[in-house]
Amino acid sequence: MLNNYYKKQLKPFARDNRNSSTRGEIRLWCEILKASKTGYQFLRQRPILNYIADFLCKELKLIIEVDGISHDSKTHQDIKRDEDLRAIGFTVLRFSDREIFGELDSVERKILAWIKEHTKHEES
């Protein structure tokens, strides 16, 4: 069903985003998500609906977004995006560059806690 939301026409933009990732995205990918510390596969810069998710785990229906330093609060576009993604069953976790560079352990704990809580409910 996830493939119904994949937007092939956004693939070139997603590739460009992967090739020009922010420092925060690179750090999160290399130190937590790519390293398989989560136990789940995450995809980078994945087109979904009319958006490109920074990181997406199909199995968990989890999207992780990294907001840059100039992006201190949620914009109207972020709120709409999160609502649209929730409407198709995804959870969106957002972290700022400040959190990734200053509190990476906390970011990792939050992601792992969400995964543990989510998978615990599925097993019940």
PDB file of N, CA and C in Angstrom:
ATOM      1  N   MET A   1       0.821  -1.196   0.000  1.00  0.00           N
ATOM      2  CA  MET A   1       0.000   0.000   0.000  1.00  0.00           C
ATOM      3  C   MET A   1       0.867   1.262   0.000  1.00  0.00           C
ATOM      4  N   LEU A   2       2.050   1.183   0.620  1.00  0.00           N
ATOM      5  CA  LEU A   2       2.935   2.338   0.661  1.00  0.00           C
ATOM      6  C   LEU A   2       3.289   2.802  -0.740  1.00  0.00           C
ATOM      7  N   ASN A   3       3.424   1.860  -1.670  1.00  0.00           N
ATOM      8  CA  ASN A   3       3.788   2.236  -3.032  1.00  0.00           C
ATOM      9  C   ASN A   3       2.743   3.137  -3.676  1.00  0.00           C
ATOM     10  N   ASN A   4       1.506   3.095  -3.198  1.00  0.00           N
ATOM     11  CA  ASN A   4       0.473   3.989  -3.719  1.00  0.00           C
ATOM     12  C   ASN A   4       0.814   5.450  -3.451  1.00  0.00           C
ATOM     13  N   TYR A   5       1.619   5.699  -2.444  1.00  0.00           N
ATOM     14  CA  TYR A   5       1.962   7.061  -2.050  1.00  0.00           C
ATOM     15  C   TYR A   5       3.320   7.512  -2.584  1.00  0.00           C
ATOM     16  N   TYR A   6       4.054   6.582  -3.190  1.00  0.00           N
ATOM     17  CA  TYR A   6       5.366   6.901  -3.751  1.00  0.00           C
ATOM     18  C   TYR A   6       5.167   7.746  -5.006  1.00  0.00           C
ATOM     19  N   LYS A   7       5.861   8.869  -5.086  1.00  0.00           N
ATOM     20  CA  LYS A   7       5.724   9.774  -6.229  1.00  0.00           C
ATOM     21  C   LYS A   7       6.986   9.724  -7.083  1.00  0.00           C
ATOM     22  N   LYS A   8       6.938   8.902  -8.120  1.00  0.00           N
ATOM     23  CA  LYS A   8       8.100   8.685  -8.977  1.00  0.00           C
ATOM     24  C   LYS A   8       8.614   9.991  -9.589  1.00  0.00           C
ATOM     25  N   GLN A   9       7.710  10.917  -9.883  1.00  0.00           N
ATOM     26  CA  GLN A   9       8.135  12.169 -10.508  1.00  0.00           C
ATOM     27  C   GLN A   9       9.000  13.024  -9.577  1.00  0.00           C
ATOM     28  N   LEU A  10       8.995  12.739  -8.282  1.00  0.00           N
ATOM     29  CA  LEU A  10       9.839  13.471  -7.334  1.00  0.00           C
ATOM     30  C   LEU A  10      11.217  12.832  -7.159  1.00  0.00           C
ATOM     31  N   LYS A  11      11.427  11.691  -7.806  1.00  0.00           N
ATOM     32  CA  LYS A  11      12.684  10.962  -7.641  1.00  0.00           C
ATOM     33  C   LYS A  11      13.924  11.816  -7.949  1.00  0.00           C
ATOM     34  N   PRO A  12      13.936  12.616  -9.032  1.00  0.00           N
ATOM     35  CA  PRO A  12      15.129  13.452  -9.280  1.00  0.00           C
ATOM     36  C   PRO A  12      15.395  14.457  -8.152  1.00  0.00           C
ATOM     37  N   PHE A  13      14.333  15.014  -7.590  1.00  0.00           N
ATOM     38  CA  PHE A  13      14.504  15.956  -6.470  1.00  0.00           C
ATOM     39  C   PHE A  13      15.041  15.236  -5.239  1.00  0.00           C
ATOM     40  N   ALA A  14      14.543  14.022  -5.004  1.00  0.00           N
ATOM     41  CA  ALA A  14      15.016  13.235  -3.862  1.00  0.00           C
ATOM     42  C   ALA A  14      16.501  12.901  -4.036  1.00  0.00           C
ATOM     43  N   ARG A  15      16.900  12.549  -5.249  1.00  0.00           N
ATOM     44  CA  ARG A  15      18.306  12.244  -5.515  1.00  0.00           C
ATOM     45  C   ARG A  15      19.173  13.479  -5.270  1.00  0.00           C
ATOM     46  N   ASP A  16      18.699  14.634  -5.732  1.00  0.00           N
ATOM     47  CA  ASP A  16      19.434  15.884  -5.486  1.00  0.00           C
ATOM     48  C   ASP A  16      19.572  16.145  -3.987  1.00  0.00           C
ATOM     49  N   ASN A  17      18.491  15.899  -3.233  1.00  0.00           N
ATOM     50  CA  ASN A  17      18.539  16.085  -1.780  1.00  0.00           C
ATOM     51  C   ASN A  17      19.536  15.142  -1.126  1.00  0.00           C
ATOM     52  N   ARG A  18      19.581  13.900  -1.585  1.00  0.00           N
ATOM     53  CA  ARG A  18      20.544  12.934  -1.033  1.00  0.00           C
ATOM     54  C   ARG A  18      21.969  13.393  -1.296  1.00  0.00           C
ATOM     55  N   ASN A  19      22.186  13.932  -2.483  1.00  0.00           N
ATOM     56  CA  ASN A  19      23.523  14.376  -2.857  1.00  0.00           C
ATOM     57  C   ASN A  19      23.927  15.684  -2.192  1.00  0.00           C
ATOM     58  N   SER A  20      22.976  16.398  -1.633  1.00  0.00           N
ATOM     59  CA  SER A  20      23.306  17.665  -0.964  1.00  0.00           C
ATOM     60  C   SER A  20      22.705  17.686   0.441  1.00  0.00           C
ATOM     61  N   SER A  21      22.835  16.573   1.136  1.00  0.00           N
ATOM     62  CA  SER A  21      22.296  16.447   2.494  1.00  0.00           C
ATOM     63  C   SER A  21      22.913  17.482   3.425  1.00  0.00           C
ATOM     64  N   THR A  22      22.135  17.878   4.409  1.00  0.00           N
ATOM     65  CA  THR A  22      22.664  18.805   5.412  1.00  0.00           C
ATOM     66  C   THR A  22      23.590  18.050   6.361  1.00  0.00           C
ATOM     67  N   ARG A  23      24.387  18.787   7.100  1.00  0.00           N
ATOM     68  CA  ARG A  23      25.285  18.153   8.079  1.00  0.00           C
ATOM     69  C   ARG A  23      24.486  17.373   9.121  1.00  0.00           C
ATOM     70  N   GLY A  24      23.344  17.917   9.530  1.00  0.00           N
ATOM     71  CA  GLY A  24      22.517  17.223  10.513  1.00  0.00           C
ATOM     72  C   GLY A  24      21.974  15.910   9.970  1.00  0.00           C
ATOM     73  N   GLU A  25      21.507  15.916   8.723  1.00  0.00           N
ATOM     74  CA  GLU A  25      21.017  14.690   8.108  1.00  0.00           C
ATOM     75  C   GLU A  25      22.131  13.647   7.997  1.00  0.00           C
ATOM     76  N   ILE A  26      23.301  14.096   7.587  1.00  0.00           N
ATOM     77  CA  ILE A  26      24.432  13.171   7.439  1.00  0.00           C
ATOM     78  C   ILE A  26      24.798  12.556   8.784  1.00  0.00           C
ATOM     79  N   ARG A  27      24.842  13.374   9.818  1.00  0.00           N
ATOM     80  CA  ARG A  27      25.218  12.848  11.138  1.00  0.00           C
ATOM     81  C   ARG A  27      24.178  11.854  11.642  1.00  0.00           C
ATOM     82  N   LEU A  28      22.906  12.198  11.525  1.00  0.00           N
ATOM     83  CA  LEU A  28      21.853  11.288  11.982  1.00  0.00           C
ATOM     84  C   LEU A  28      21.906   9.979  11.204  1.00  0.00           C
ATOM     85  N   TRP A  29      22.107  10.053   9.901  1.00  0.00           N
ATOM     86  CA  TRP A  29      22.189   8.867   9.052  1.00  0.00           C
ATOM     87  C   TRP A  29      23.382   7.995   9.441  1.00  0.00           C
ATOM     88  N   CYS A  30      24.533   8.599   9.525  1.00  0.00           N
ATOM     89  CA  CYS A  30      25.762   7.827   9.769  1.00  0.00           C
ATOM     90  C   CYS A  30      25.843   7.252  11.178  1.00  0.00           C
ATOM     91  N   GLU A  31      25.359   7.979  12.160  1.00  0.00           N
ATOM     92  CA  GLU A  31      25.557   7.553  13.545  1.00  0.00           C
ATOM     93  C   GLU A  31      24.382   6.793  14.158  1.00  0.00           C
ATOM     94  N   ILE A  32      23.206   6.910  13.564  1.00  0.00           N
ATOM     95  CA  ILE A  32      22.062   6.217  14.165  1.00  0.00           C
ATOM     96  C   ILE A  32      21.306   5.373  13.142  1.00  0.00           C
ATOM     97  N   LEU A  33      20.868   5.979  12.062  1.00  0.00           N
ATOM     98  CA  LEU A  33      19.957   5.278  11.163  1.00  0.00           C
ATOM     99  C   LEU A  33      20.653   4.293  10.239  1.00  0.00           C
ATOM    100  N   LYS A  34      21.754   4.686   9.607  1.00  0.00           N
ATOM    101  CA  LYS A  34      22.474   3.783   8.710  1.00  0.00           C
ATOM    102  C   LYS A  34      23.157   2.666   9.492  1.00  0.00           C
ATOM    103  N   ALA A  35      23.570   2.965  10.683  1.00  0.00           N
ATOM    104  CA  ALA A  35      24.309   2.005  11.498  1.00  0.00           C
ATOM    105  C   ALA A  35      23.434   0.859  11.996  1.00  0.00           C
ATOM    106  N   SER A  36      22.185   0.872  11.625  1.00  0.00           N
ATOM    107  CA  SER A  36      21.237  -0.173  12.027  1.00  0.00           C
ATOM    108  C   SER A  36      21.083  -0.282  13.536  1.00  0.00           C
ATOM    109  N   LYS A  37      21.339   0.791  14.237  1.00  0.00           N
ATOM    110  CA  LYS A  37      21.119   0.777  15.682  1.00  0.00           C
ATOM    111  C   LYS A  37      19.640   0.611  16.012  1.00  0.00           C
ATOM    112  N   THR A  38      18.803   0.947  15.060  1.00  0.00           N
ATOM    113  CA  THR A  38      17.364   0.875  15.296  1.00  0.00           C
ATOM    114  C   THR A  38      16.795  -0.517  15.061  1.00  0.00           C
ATOM    115  N   GLY A  39      17.495  -1.327  14.273  1.00  0.00           N
ATOM    116  CA  GLY A  39      16.975  -2.645  13.928  1.00  0.00           C
ATOM    117  C   GLY A  39      16.034  -2.613  12.733  1.00  0.00           C
ATOM    118  N   TYR A  40      15.873  -1.461  12.117  1.00  0.00           N
ATOM    119  CA  TYR A  40      14.962  -1.301  10.983  1.00  0.00           C
ATOM    120  C   TYR A  40      15.662  -0.550   9.859  1.00  0.00           C
ATOM    121  N   GLN A  41      15.205  -0.798   8.631  1.00  0.00           N
ATOM    122  CA  GLN A  41      15.800  -0.129   7.474  1.00  0.00           C
ATOM    123  C   GLN A  41      15.124   1.226   7.254  1.00  0.00           C
ATOM    124  N   PHE A  42      15.940   2.253   7.187  1.00  0.00           N
ATOM    125  CA  PHE A  42      15.471   3.584   6.839  1.00  0.00           C
ATOM    126  C   PHE A  42      15.973   3.943   5.450  1.00  0.00           C
ATOM    127  N   LEU A  43      15.136   4.618   4.695  1.00  0.00           N
ATOM    128  CA  LEU A  43      15.501   5.120   3.372  1.00  0.00           C
ATOM    129  C   LEU A  43      15.707   6.620   3.479  1.00  0.00           C
ATOM    130  N   ARG A  44      16.675   7.133   2.751  1.00  0.00           N
ATOM    131  CA  ARG A  44      16.967   8.572   2.769  1.00  0.00           C
ATOM    132  C   ARG A  44      16.233   9.270   1.638  1.00  0.00           C
ATOM    133  N   GLN A  45      15.705  10.447   1.936  1.00  0.00           N
ATOM    134  CA  GLN A  45      15.096  11.308   0.924  1.00  0.00           C
ATOM    135  C   GLN A  45      14.125  10.520   0.044  1.00  0.00           C
ATOM    136  N   ARG A  46      13.065  10.055   0.659  1.00  0.00           N
ATOM    137  CA  ARG A  46      12.083   9.201  -0.022  1.00  0.00           C
ATOM    138  C   ARG A  46      10.850  10.005  -0.416  1.00  0.00           C
ATOM    139  N   PRO A  47      10.498  10.019  -1.720  1.00  0.00           N
ATOM    140  CA  PRO A  47       9.281  10.708  -2.144  1.00  0.00           C
ATOM    141  C   PRO A  47       8.036  10.006  -1.605  1.00  0.00           C
ATOM    142  N   ILE A  48       7.152  10.775  -1.015  1.00  0.00           N
ATOM    143  CA  ILE A  48       5.887  10.238  -0.517  1.00  0.00           C
ATOM    144  C   ILE A  48       4.849  11.356  -0.575  1.00  0.00           C
ATOM    145  N   LEU A  49       3.699  11.035  -1.108  1.00  0.00           N
ATOM    146  CA  LEU A  49       2.694  12.049  -1.446  1.00  0.00           C
ATOM    147  C   LEU A  49       3.387  13.113  -2.293  1.00  0.00           C
ATOM    148  N   ASN A  50       3.224  14.372  -1.929  1.00  0.00           N
ATOM    149  CA  ASN A  50       3.892  15.448  -2.672  1.00  0.00           C
ATOM    150  C   ASN A  50       5.101  15.978  -1.921  1.00  0.00           C
ATOM    151  N   TYR A  51       5.681  15.144  -1.059  1.00  0.00           N
ATOM    152  CA  TYR A  51       6.781  15.554  -0.198  1.00  0.00           C
ATOM    153  C   TYR A  51       7.977  14.637  -0.402  1.00  0.00           C
ATOM    154  N   ILE A  52       9.092  15.056   0.143  1.00  0.00           N
ATOM    155  CA  ILE A  52      10.265  14.189   0.198  1.00  0.00           C
ATOM    156  C   ILE A  52      10.644  14.084   1.671  1.00  0.00           C
ATOM    157  N   ALA A  53      10.482  12.882   2.211  1.00  0.00           N
ATOM    158  CA  ALA A  53      10.801  12.643   3.616  1.00  0.00           C
ATOM    159  C   ALA A  53      12.305  12.519   3.776  1.00  0.00           C
ATOM    160  N   ASP A  54      12.870  13.151   4.796  1.00  0.00           N
ATOM    161  CA  ASP A  54      14.306  13.029   5.039  1.00  0.00           C
ATOM    162  C   ASP A  54      14.682  11.563   5.242  1.00  0.00           C
ATOM    163  N   PHE A  55      13.970  10.886   6.154  1.00  0.00           N
ATOM    164  CA  PHE A  55      14.213   9.465   6.429  1.00  0.00           C
ATOM    165  C   PHE A  55      12.868   8.784   6.595  1.00  0.00           C
ATOM    166  N   LEU A  56      12.721   7.615   5.992  1.00  0.00           N
ATOM    167  CA  LEU A  56      11.456   6.903   6.042  1.00  0.00           C
ATOM    168  C   LEU A  56      11.710   5.429   6.314  1.00  0.00           C
ATOM    169  N   CYS A  57      10.981   4.890   7.267  1.00  0.00           N
ATOM    170  CA  CYS A  57      11.001   3.453   7.531  1.00  0.00           C
ATOM    171  C   CYS A  57       9.624   2.920   7.165  1.00  0.00           C
ATOM    172  N   LYS A  58       9.580   2.138   6.077  1.00  0.00           N
ATOM    173  CA  LYS A  58       8.300   1.593   5.607  1.00  0.00           C
ATOM    174  C   LYS A  58       7.659   0.694   6.660  1.00  0.00           C
ATOM    175  N   GLU A  59       8.472  -0.180   7.232  1.00  0.00           N
ATOM    176  CA  GLU A  59       7.953  -1.183   8.166  1.00  0.00           C
ATOM    177  C   GLU A  59       7.284  -0.545   9.383  1.00  0.00           C
ATOM    178  N   LEU A  60       7.887   0.515   9.893  1.00  0.00           N
ATOM    179  CA  LEU A  60       7.348   1.191  11.076  1.00  0.00           C
ATOM    180  C   LEU A  60       6.355   2.299  10.737  1.00  0.00           C
ATOM    181  N   LYS A  61       6.296   2.650   9.451  1.00  0.00           N
ATOM    182  CA  LYS A  61       5.512   3.817   9.016  1.00  0.00           C
ATOM    183  C   LYS A  61       5.951   5.048   9.812  1.00  0.00           C
ATOM    184  N   LEU A  62       7.262   5.221   9.844  1.00  0.00           N
ATOM    185  CA  LEU A  62       7.890   6.304  10.597  1.00  0.00           C
ATOM    186  C   LEU A  62       8.709   7.178   9.661  1.00  0.00           C
ATOM    187  N   ILE A  63       8.516   8.476   9.786  1.00  0.00           N
ATOM    188  CA  ILE A  63       9.296   9.455   9.045  1.00  0.00           C
ATOM    189  C   ILE A  63      10.040  10.305  10.060  1.00  0.00           C
ATOM    190  N   ILE A  64      11.319  10.518   9.793  1.00  0.00           N
ATOM    191  CA  ILE A  64      12.124  11.377  10.651  1.00  0.00           C
ATOM    192  C   ILE A  64      12.589  12.561   9.816  1.00  0.00           C
ATOM    193  N   GLU A  65      12.302  13.753  10.315  1.00  0.00           N
ATOM    194  CA  GLU A  65      12.667  14.987   9.635  1.00  0.00           C
ATOM    195  C   GLU A  65      13.729  15.715  10.437  1.00  0.00           C
ATOM    196  N   VAL A  66      14.679  16.302   9.730  1.00  0.00           N
ATOM    197  CA  VAL A  66      15.728  17.104  10.355  1.00  0.00           C
ATOM    198  C   VAL A  66      15.513  18.554   9.923  1.00  0.00           C
ATOM    199  N   ASP A  67      15.242  19.400  10.897  1.00  0.00           N
ATOM    200  CA  ASP A  67      15.014  20.816  10.627  1.00  0.00           C
ATOM    201  C   ASP A  67      16.286  21.593  10.881  1.00  0.00           C
ATOM    202  N   GLY A  68      16.685  22.382   9.912  1.00  0.00           N
ATOM    203  CA  GLY A  68      17.919  23.156  10.000  1.00  0.00           C
ATOM    204  C   GLY A  68      17.860  24.232  11.067  1.00  0.00           C
ATOM    205  N   ILE A  69      18.994  24.848  11.301  1.00  0.00           N
ATOM    206  CA  ILE A  69      19.126  25.876  12.332  1.00  0.00           C
ATOM    207  C   ILE A  69      18.170  27.035  12.092  1.00  0.00           C
ATOM    208  N   SER A  70      17.954  27.395  10.838  1.00  0.00           N
ATOM    209  CA  SER A  70      17.058  28.512  10.541  1.00  0.00           C
ATOM    210  C   SER A  70      15.598  28.116  10.663  1.00  0.00           C
ATOM    211  N   HIS A  71      15.339  26.887  11.063  1.00  0.00           N
ATOM    212  CA  HIS A  71      13.986  26.327  11.088  1.00  0.00           C
ATOM    213  C   HIS A  71      13.614  26.001  12.538  1.00  0.00           C
ATOM    214  N   ASP A  72      13.577  27.032  13.386  1.00  0.00           N
ATOM    215  CA  ASP A  72      13.390  26.810  14.819  1.00  0.00           C
ATOM    216  C   ASP A  72      11.980  26.404  15.223  1.00  0.00           C
ATOM    217  N   SER A  73      10.990  26.751  14.451  1.00  0.00           N
ATOM    218  CA  SER A  73       9.638  26.357  14.824  1.00  0.00           C
ATOM    219  C   SER A  73       8.911  25.823  13.597  1.00  0.00           C
ATOM    220  N   LYS A  74       7.876  25.042  13.859  1.00  0.00           N
ATOM    221  CA  LYS A  74       7.109  24.452  12.770  1.00  0.00           C
ATOM    222  C   LYS A  74       6.412  25.546  11.971  1.00  0.00           C
ATOM    223  N   THR A  75       6.525  25.453  10.676  1.00  0.00           N
ATOM    224  CA  THR A  75       5.828  26.392   9.804  1.00  0.00           C
ATOM    225  C   THR A  75       4.462  25.818   9.450  1.00  0.00           C
ATOM    226  N   HIS A  76       3.637  26.636   8.831  1.00  0.00           N
ATOM    227  CA  HIS A  76       2.329  26.169   8.359  1.00  0.00           C
ATOM    228  C   HIS A  76       2.517  24.990   7.409  1.00  0.00           C
ATOM    229  N   GLN A  77       3.550  25.061   6.559  1.00  0.00           N
ATOM    230  CA  GLN A  77       3.825  23.972   5.620  1.00  0.00           C
ATOM    231  C   GLN A  77       4.201  22.684   6.350  1.00  0.00           C
ATOM    232  N   ASP A  78       4.980  22.795   7.432  1.00  0.00           N
ATOM    233  CA  ASP A  78       5.351  21.612   8.219  1.00  0.00           C
ATOM    234  C   ASP A  78       4.113  20.976   8.842  1.00  0.00           C
ATOM    235  N   ILE A  79       3.230  21.806   9.369  1.00  0.00           N
ATOM    236  CA  ILE A  79       2.015  21.307  10.019  1.00  0.00           C
ATOM    237  C   ILE A  79       1.144  20.578   9.000  1.00  0.00           C
ATOM    238  N   LYS A  80       0.961  21.176   7.824  1.00  0.00           N
ATOM    239  CA  LYS A  80       0.160  20.560   6.753  1.00  0.00           C
ATOM    240  C   LYS A  80       0.795  19.246   6.312  1.00  0.00           C
ATOM    241  N   ARG A  81       2.088  19.254   6.129  1.00  0.00           N
ATOM    242  CA  ARG A  81       2.817  18.056   5.710  1.00  0.00           C
ATOM    243  C   ARG A  81       2.631  16.935   6.730  1.00  0.00           C
ATOM    244  N   ASP A  82       2.838  17.265   8.016  1.00  0.00           N
ATOM    245  CA  ASP A  82       2.689  16.259   9.066  1.00  0.00           C
ATOM    246  C   ASP A  82       1.260  15.717   9.107  1.00  0.00           C
ATOM    247  N   GLU A  83       0.272  16.586   8.941  1.00  0.00           N
ATOM    248  CA  GLU A  83      -1.133  16.144   8.926  1.00  0.00           C
ATOM    249  C   GLU A  83      -1.398  15.206   7.751  1.00  0.00           C
ATOM    250  N   ASP A  84      -0.896  15.569   6.559  1.00  0.00           N
ATOM    251  CA  ASP A  84      -1.088  14.726   5.375  1.00  0.00           C
ATOM    252  C   ASP A  84      -0.450  13.357   5.560  1.00  0.00           C
ATOM    253  N   LEU A  85       0.744  13.331   6.133  1.00  0.00           N
ATOM    254  CA  LEU A  85       1.441  12.061   6.345  1.00  0.00           C
ATOM    255  C   LEU A  85       0.764  11.229   7.433  1.00  0.00           C
ATOM    256  N   ARG A  86       0.269  11.884   8.478  1.00  0.00           N
ATOM    257  CA  ARG A  86      -0.491  11.156   9.512  1.00  0.00           C
ATOM    258  C   ARG A  86      -1.768  10.550   8.928  1.00  0.00           C
ATOM    259  N   ALA A  87      -2.383  11.262   7.998  1.00  0.00           N
ATOM    260  CA  ALA A  87      -3.627  10.787   7.391  1.00  0.00           C
ATOM    261  C   ALA A  87      -3.443   9.473   6.638  1.00  0.00           C
ATOM    262  N   ILE A  88      -2.230   9.191   6.188  1.00  0.00           N
ATOM    263  CA  ILE A  88      -1.978   7.913   5.504  1.00  0.00           C
ATOM    264  C   ILE A  88      -1.245   6.925   6.419  1.00  0.00           C
ATOM    265  N   GLY A  89      -1.237   7.229   7.725  1.00  0.00           N
ATOM    266  CA  GLY A  89      -0.752   6.266   8.702  1.00  0.00           C
ATOM    267  C   GLY A  89       0.671   6.428   9.191  1.00  0.00           C
ATOM    268  N   PHE A  90       1.344   7.499   8.818  1.00  0.00           N
ATOM    269  CA  PHE A  90       2.723   7.701   9.247  1.00  0.00           C
ATOM    270  C   PHE A  90       2.798   8.530  10.519  1.00  0.00           C
ATOM    271  N   THR A  91       3.854   8.308  11.269  1.00  0.00           N
ATOM    272  CA  THR A  91       4.224   9.164  12.392  1.00  0.00           C
ATOM    273  C   THR A  91       5.435   9.956  11.932  1.00  0.00           C
ATOM    274  N   VAL A  92       5.458  11.246  12.262  1.00  0.00           N
ATOM    275  CA  VAL A  92       6.588  12.096  11.905  1.00  0.00           C
ATOM    276  C   VAL A  92       7.281  12.546  13.181  1.00  0.00           C
ATOM    277  N   LEU A  93       8.563  12.220  13.301  1.00  0.00           N
ATOM    278  CA  LEU A  93       9.387  12.724  14.398  1.00  0.00           C
ATOM    279  C   LEU A  93      10.297  13.793  13.815  1.00  0.00           C
ATOM    280  N   ARG A  94      10.350  14.946  14.467  1.00  0.00           N
ATOM    281  CA  ARG A  94      11.186  16.054  13.992  1.00  0.00           C
ATOM    282  C   ARG A  94      12.282  16.351  15.003  1.00  0.00           C
ATOM    283  N   PHE A  95      13.479  16.573  14.475  1.00  0.00           N
ATOM    284  CA  PHE A  95      14.610  16.953  15.305  1.00  0.00           C
ATOM    285  C   PHE A  95      15.306  18.133  14.642  1.00  0.00           C
ATOM    286  N   SER A  96      15.800  19.024  15.459  1.00  0.00           N
ATOM    287  CA  SER A  96      16.521  20.179  14.934  1.00  0.00           C
ATOM    288  C   SER A  96      18.007  19.848  14.809  1.00  0.00           C
ATOM    289  N   ASP A  97      18.692  20.643  13.999  1.00  0.00           N
ATOM    290  CA  ASP A  97      20.149  20.501  13.919  1.00  0.00           C
ATOM    291  C   ASP A  97      20.771  20.674  15.301  1.00  0.00           C
ATOM    292  N   ARG A  98      20.224  21.600  16.085  1.00  0.00           N
ATOM    293  CA  ARG A  98      20.763  21.819  17.445  1.00  0.00           C
ATOM    294  C   ARG A  98      20.701  20.543  18.269  1.00  0.00           C
ATOM    295  N   GLU A  99      19.578  19.833  18.179  1.00  0.00           N
ATOM    296  CA  GLU A  99      19.451  18.580  18.918  1.00  0.00           C
ATOM    297  C   GLU A  99      20.455  17.548  18.407  1.00  0.00           C
ATOM    298  N   ILE A 100      20.586  17.442  17.107  1.00  0.00           N
ATOM    299  CA  ILE A 100      21.478  16.438  16.524  1.00  0.00           C
ATOM    300  C   ILE A 100      22.931  16.710  16.873  1.00  0.00           C
ATOM    301  N   PHE A 101      23.321  17.985  16.884  1.00  0.00           N
ATOM    302  CA  PHE A 101      24.722  18.294  17.181  1.00  0.00           C
ATOM    303  C   PHE A 101      24.996  18.482  18.659  1.00  0.00           C
ATOM    304  N   GLY A 102      23.969  18.787  19.443  1.00  0.00           N
ATOM    305  CA  GLY A 102      24.200  19.019  20.862  1.00  0.00           C
ATOM    306  C   GLY A 102      23.694  17.930  21.779  1.00  0.00           C
ATOM    307  N   GLU A 103      22.752  17.125  21.289  1.00  0.00           N
ATOM    308  CA  GLU A 103      22.104  16.129  22.143  1.00  0.00           C
ATOM    309  C   GLU A 103      21.831  14.842  21.361  1.00  0.00           C
ATOM    310  N   LEU A 104      22.806  14.360  20.616  1.00  0.00           N
ATOM    311  CA  LEU A 104      22.582  13.190  19.767  1.00  0.00           C
ATOM    312  C   LEU A 104      22.134  11.972  20.573  1.00  0.00           C
ATOM    313  N   ASP A 105      22.680  11.799  21.764  1.00  0.00           N
ATOM    314  CA  ASP A 105      22.253  10.672  22.608  1.00  0.00           C
ATOM    315  C   ASP A 105      20.761  10.756  22.916  1.00  0.00           C
ATOM    316  N   SER A 106      20.283  11.956  23.177  1.00  0.00           N
ATOM    317  CA  SER A 106      18.863  12.164  23.459  1.00  0.00           C
ATOM    318  C   SER A 106      18.009  11.874  22.224  1.00  0.00           C
ATOM    319  N   VAL A 107      18.473  12.305  21.061  1.00  0.00           N
ATOM    320  CA  VAL A 107      17.765  12.028  19.806  1.00  0.00           C
ATOM    321  C   VAL A 107      17.669  10.519  19.603  1.00  0.00           C
ATOM    322  N   GLU A 108      18.778   9.827  19.803  1.00  0.00           N
ATOM    323  CA  GLU A 108      18.781   8.370  19.643  1.00  0.00           C
ATOM    324  C   GLU A 108      17.809   7.713  20.629  1.00  0.00           C
ATOM    325  N   ARG A 109      17.833   8.157  21.876  1.00  0.00           N
ATOM    326  CA  ARG A 109      16.910   7.596  22.887  1.00  0.00           C
ATOM    327  C   ARG A 109      15.456   7.808  22.486  1.00  0.00           C
ATOM    328  N   LYS A 110      15.143   9.001  21.971  1.00  0.00           N
ATOM    329  CA  LYS A 110      13.760   9.296  21.559  1.00  0.00           C
ATOM    330  C   LYS A 110      13.325   8.397  20.411  1.00  0.00           C
ATOM    331  N   ILE A 111      14.192   8.214  19.431  1.00  0.00           N
ATOM    332  CA  ILE A 111      13.862   7.347  18.292  1.00  0.00           C
ATOM    333  C   ILE A 111      13.679   5.908  18.760  1.00  0.00           C
ATOM    334  N   LEU A 112      14.619   5.415  19.556  1.00  0.00           N
ATOM    335  CA  LEU A 112      14.532   4.029  20.033  1.00  0.00           C
ATOM    336  C   LEU A 112      13.329   3.821  20.954  1.00  0.00           C
ATOM    337  N   ALA A 113      12.999   4.822  21.765  1.00  0.00           N
ATOM    338  CA  ALA A 113      11.819   4.722  22.635  1.00  0.00           C
ATOM    339  C   ALA A 113      10.544   4.660  21.798  1.00  0.00           C
ATOM    340  N   TRP A 114      10.477   5.477  20.747  1.00  0.00           N
ATOM    341  CA  TRP A 114       9.301   5.442  19.877  1.00  0.00           C
ATOM    342  C   TRP A 114       9.180   4.061  19.242  1.00  0.00           C
ATOM    343  N   ILE A 115      10.297   3.535  18.740  1.00  0.00           N
ATOM    344  CA  ILE A 115      10.280   2.220  18.092  1.00  0.00           C
ATOM    345  C   ILE A 115       9.837   1.145  19.084  1.00  0.00           C
ATOM    346  N   LYS A 116      10.396   1.190  20.275  1.00  0.00           N
ATOM    347  CA  LYS A 116      10.045   0.184  21.299  1.00  0.00           C
ATOM    348  C   LYS A 116       8.560   0.261  21.627  1.00  0.00           C
ATOM    349  N   GLU A 117       8.052   1.454  21.822  1.00  0.00           N
ATOM    350  CA  GLU A 117       6.634   1.633  22.153  1.00  0.00           C
ATOM    351  C   GLU A 117       5.748   1.182  20.992  1.00  0.00           C
ATOM    352  N   HIS A 118       6.121   1.538  19.786  1.00  0.00           N
ATOM    353  CA  HIS A 118       5.332   1.190  18.602  1.00  0.00           C
ATOM    354  C   HIS A 118       5.312  -0.316  18.376  1.00  0.00           C
ATOM    355  N   THR A 119       6.451  -0.958  18.476  1.00  0.00           N
ATOM    356  CA  THR A 119       6.506  -2.396  18.213  1.00  0.00           C
ATOM    357  C   THR A 119       5.892  -3.185  19.370  1.00  0.00           C
ATOM    358  N   LYS A 120       5.911  -2.619  20.576  1.00  0.00           N
ATOM    359  CA  LYS A 120       5.271  -3.283  21.710  1.00  0.00           C
ATOM    360  C   LYS A 120       3.760  -3.361  21.470  1.00  0.00           C
ATOM    361  N   HIS A 121       3.173  -2.285  20.946  1.00  0.00           N
ATOM    362  CA  HIS A 121       1.742  -2.283  20.664  1.00  0.00           C
ATOM    363  C   HIS A 121       1.378  -3.248  19.542  1.00  0.00           C
ATOM    364  N   GLU A 122       2.263  -3.402  18.568  1.00  0.00           N
ATOM    365  CA  GLU A 122       1.999  -4.329  17.465  1.00  0.00           C
ATOM    366  C   GLU A 122       2.042  -5.769  17.935  1.00  0.00           C
ATOM    367  N   GLU A 123       2.921  -6.075  18.902  1.00  0.00           N
ATOM    368  CA  GLU A 123       3.062  -7.443  19.395  1.00  0.00           C
ATOM    369  C   GLU A 123       1.909  -7.850  20.293  1.00  0.00           C
ATOM    370  N   SER A 124       1.237  -6.872  20.880  1.00  0.00           N
ATOM    371  CA  SER A 124       0.135  -7.164  21.824  1.00  0.00           C
ATOM    372  C   SER A 124      -1.074  -7.704  21.110  1.00  0.00           C
TER     373      SER A 124
END
